[in-house]
Protein backbone atom coordinates (compact mmCIF):
# COMPACT_ATOMS: atom_id res chain seq x y z
CA MET A 1 -65.00 0.27 -72.22
CA ARG A 2 -63.14 3.58 -72.05
CA GLY A 3 -65.98 6.02 -72.74
CA LYS A 4 -65.75 9.11 -74.92
CA LEU A 5 -65.73 12.88 -74.79
CA ILE A 6 -69.03 14.76 -74.75
CA PHE A 7 -69.28 17.71 -77.19
CA PRO A 8 -65.62 17.61 -78.23
CA PHE A 9 -63.53 20.53 -79.44
CA LEU A 10 -59.96 20.52 -80.75
CA ALA A 11 -57.30 22.13 -78.58
CA GLU A 12 -54.25 23.42 -80.44
CA MET A 13 -51.39 22.42 -78.16
CA HIS A 14 -47.87 23.83 -78.41
CA ARG A 15 -45.70 21.42 -76.45
CA LEU A 16 -42.45 22.70 -74.98
CA ASP A 17 -39.41 21.04 -76.58
CA SER A 18 -37.29 20.51 -73.47
CA VAL A 19 -34.45 18.89 -75.46
CA ALA A 20 -34.07 22.01 -77.64
CA MET A 21 -34.37 24.19 -74.53
CA ALA A 22 -31.49 22.31 -72.86
CA GLY A 23 -29.15 23.14 -75.76
CA PRO A 24 -27.08 26.31 -76.05
CA GLY A 25 -29.12 29.27 -74.91
CA PRO A 26 -29.12 32.90 -75.97
CA GLY A 27 -26.66 35.39 -74.57
CA PRO A 28 -24.73 34.39 -71.45
CA HIS A 29 -26.99 31.44 -70.64
CA ALA A 30 -25.65 27.93 -70.99
CA SER A 31 -29.16 26.80 -71.87
CA GLY A 32 -32.56 28.32 -72.60
CA TYR A 33 -33.82 27.16 -69.21
CA ASP A 34 -33.21 28.90 -65.87
CA ALA A 35 -32.62 26.10 -63.34
CA ASP A 36 -32.97 28.45 -60.35
CA PHE A 37 -36.41 29.75 -61.29
CA ARG A 38 -37.41 26.58 -63.19
CA GLU A 39 -38.66 28.42 -66.26
CA PRO A 40 -37.42 29.52 -69.71
CA VAL A 41 -34.94 32.41 -69.63
CA LEU A 42 -36.13 35.85 -70.75
CA VAL A 43 -34.43 37.33 -73.82
CA ASP A 44 -35.16 40.32 -76.07
CA GLU A 45 -34.69 38.48 -79.38
CA ASP A 46 -36.49 41.07 -81.54
CA ASP A 47 -34.92 44.22 -79.95
CA ASP A 48 -38.28 45.76 -79.04
CA GLY A 49 -37.26 46.46 -75.43
CA LEU A 50 -39.38 43.61 -74.04
CA ALA A 51 -37.97 40.32 -72.91
CA GLU A 52 -39.80 37.26 -74.16
CA ALA A 53 -39.44 33.75 -72.83
CA PHE A 54 -36.86 31.79 -74.80
CA ARG A 55 -39.14 28.92 -75.83
CA ARG A 56 -38.66 26.17 -78.33
CA GLU A 57 -41.79 24.23 -79.13
CA PHE A 58 -42.75 21.18 -81.14
CA PRO A 59 -45.07 21.88 -84.10
CA PRO A 60 -48.64 22.48 -82.85
CA VAL A 61 -51.00 19.53 -82.69
CA ARG A 62 -54.80 19.61 -82.47
CA VAL A 63 -56.07 17.28 -79.76
CA PRO A 64 -59.74 16.44 -79.13
CA CYS A 65 -60.86 17.74 -75.75
CA GLN A 66 -63.92 18.48 -73.70
CA VAL A 67 -64.48 22.07 -72.61
CA GLU A 68 -66.59 22.75 -69.56
CA PRO A 69 -69.07 25.65 -70.05
CA ASP A 70 -67.58 27.74 -67.22
CA ALA A 71 -64.09 27.27 -68.63
CA PHE A 72 -65.18 28.30 -72.13
CA GLU A 73 -66.85 31.47 -70.83
CA SER A 74 -63.66 32.37 -68.96
CA LEU A 75 -61.56 31.76 -72.09
CA ARG A 76 -63.95 33.82 -74.24
CA MET A 77 -63.58 36.86 -71.94
CA THR A 78 -59.77 36.70 -71.70
CA PRO A 79 -58.88 38.57 -74.96
CA SER A 80 -60.87 41.62 -73.83
CA GLY A 81 -58.94 41.74 -70.56
CA ASN A 82 -62.08 40.75 -68.74
CA SER A 83 -60.97 37.44 -67.28
CA PRO A 84 -62.69 36.68 -63.97
CA ARG A 85 -60.20 33.91 -63.27
CA THR A 86 -56.89 32.88 -64.71
CA SER A 87 -57.34 29.12 -64.47
CA PHE A 88 -59.49 26.62 -66.31
CA GLU A 89 -59.51 22.96 -67.21
CA LEU A 90 -59.82 20.83 -70.34
CA VAL A 91 -60.40 17.08 -70.40
CA PHE A 92 -58.53 14.88 -72.89
CA HIS A 93 -59.15 11.19 -73.60
CA PHE A 94 -56.15 8.85 -73.48
CA ARG A 95 -57.44 7.05 -76.60
CA ASP A 96 -56.97 10.30 -78.58
CA LEU A 97 -53.59 10.98 -76.98
CA GLU A 98 -52.42 7.46 -77.88
CA ARG A 99 -53.62 7.87 -81.48
CA LEU A 100 -51.68 11.15 -81.81
CA GLY A 101 -48.48 9.73 -80.27
CA LEU A 102 -48.86 11.85 -77.12
CA VAL A 103 -48.38 9.00 -74.64
CA ASP A 104 -44.95 7.75 -73.58
CA ALA A 105 -44.81 4.09 -74.67
CA ALA A 106 -42.47 3.09 -71.83
CA THR A 107 -44.32 4.72 -68.92
CA GLY A 108 -47.86 5.27 -70.21
CA ASP A 109 -47.65 8.93 -69.13
CA ALA A 110 -49.29 11.63 -71.22
CA LEU A 111 -46.87 13.89 -73.10
CA ILE A 112 -49.00 16.97 -72.39
CA ARG A 113 -47.04 18.42 -69.50
CA PRO A 114 -46.59 21.58 -67.44
CA SER A 115 -45.31 24.55 -69.49
CA ASP A 116 -47.06 23.38 -72.68
CA ARG A 117 -49.18 26.16 -74.19
CA LEU A 118 -52.75 26.34 -75.48
CA GLY A 119 -52.87 28.19 -78.81
CA ALA A 120 -56.58 28.03 -79.71
CA LEU A 121 -59.77 26.03 -79.63
CA TYR A 122 -61.42 24.76 -82.82
CA ASP A 123 -64.70 22.98 -83.47
CA VAL A 124 -64.52 19.40 -84.76
CA MET A 125 -64.78 20.64 -88.35
CA GLY A 126 -61.64 22.77 -87.87
CA ALA A 127 -63.24 26.24 -87.63
CA LEU A 128 -61.61 28.58 -85.12
CA VAL A 129 -63.75 29.02 -82.01
CA GLN A 130 -61.34 30.99 -79.80
CA ALA A 131 -57.72 32.03 -80.20
CA VAL A 132 -55.57 32.53 -77.09
CA ARG A 133 -53.65 35.79 -77.01
CA THR A 134 -49.98 35.17 -76.31
CA PRO A 135 -48.70 36.97 -74.31
CA PRO A 136 -49.92 36.42 -71.70
CA GLY A 137 -50.86 32.94 -73.00
CA LEU A 138 -52.37 29.97 -71.23
CA TYR A 139 -49.98 27.29 -70.01
CA VAL A 140 -50.40 23.82 -68.57
CA THR A 141 -49.78 23.88 -64.81
CA GLU A 142 -51.13 20.41 -64.03
CA ALA A 143 -51.93 17.32 -66.11
CA ARG A 144 -53.25 14.30 -64.23
CA PRO A 145 -55.10 11.13 -65.15
CA THR A 146 -58.58 10.98 -63.61
CA GLY A 147 -59.78 7.44 -64.26
CA PHE A 148 -59.14 4.02 -65.67
CA GLY A 149 -62.35 3.31 -67.60
CA LEU A 150 -64.86 0.57 -66.89
CA HIS A 151 -63.03 -2.46 -68.27
CA ARG A 152 -62.47 -4.99 -65.46
CA ARG A 153 -60.00 -7.36 -67.10
CA ARG A 154 -57.59 -4.81 -68.46
CA PRO A 155 -57.94 -1.36 -66.86
CA ARG A 156 -56.44 1.42 -68.97
CA ARG A 157 -56.11 5.11 -68.38
CA ASN A 158 -59.20 6.93 -69.49
CA LEU A 159 -59.20 10.72 -69.05
CA LEU A 160 -56.51 13.36 -68.55
CA LEU A 161 -57.55 16.50 -66.67
CA VAL A 162 -55.36 19.46 -67.69
CA THR A 163 -55.31 22.76 -65.82
CA PHE A 164 -54.23 25.93 -67.64
CA ASN A 165 -53.13 29.24 -66.09
CA ASP A 166 -52.03 32.51 -67.57
CA ARG A 167 -48.60 33.92 -66.90
CA PRO A 168 -47.62 37.56 -66.50
CA GLN A 169 -46.14 39.35 -69.47
CA ALA A 170 -42.35 39.85 -69.42
CA ARG A 171 -41.19 43.26 -68.23
CA GLY A 172 -39.04 45.62 -70.29
CA LEU A 173 -35.29 45.26 -70.19
CA ALA A 174 -33.30 47.73 -68.14
């Protein structure tokens, strides 16, 4: 028995496409990823004087999740600039991740990984509950399995605890 989520929502996840990021990058960069700082390079692609992270993402996918009340309150206050903390957690069930193809078949690891971005939360009927303003955005900083269910004969991963943090907005180009 693997359990289930309590009061589920749908998290719109924008997963970083690391293969596309490793390809030819903008400007003088050999790739879109800065190996020294371990983050996407900053580029002013729209000539507005602000550098944005050079990100390439897979199409967004809505994944069932559980939102803790404290985390939701923090997320709700973020668009007004009133965020008391910049970190919160969502819980995903491996059964849902497997159904959506978000588990590596060879390793069993979840494909929700650091640097993936949360776009919004929806109710189970698909109505928008809360959009995430990007920038600054909310990005995965940790994704770790938290249990293996209650099945004795064949234990399987159960829940994935994902921590999100905001990131500072890019500064203007000199």
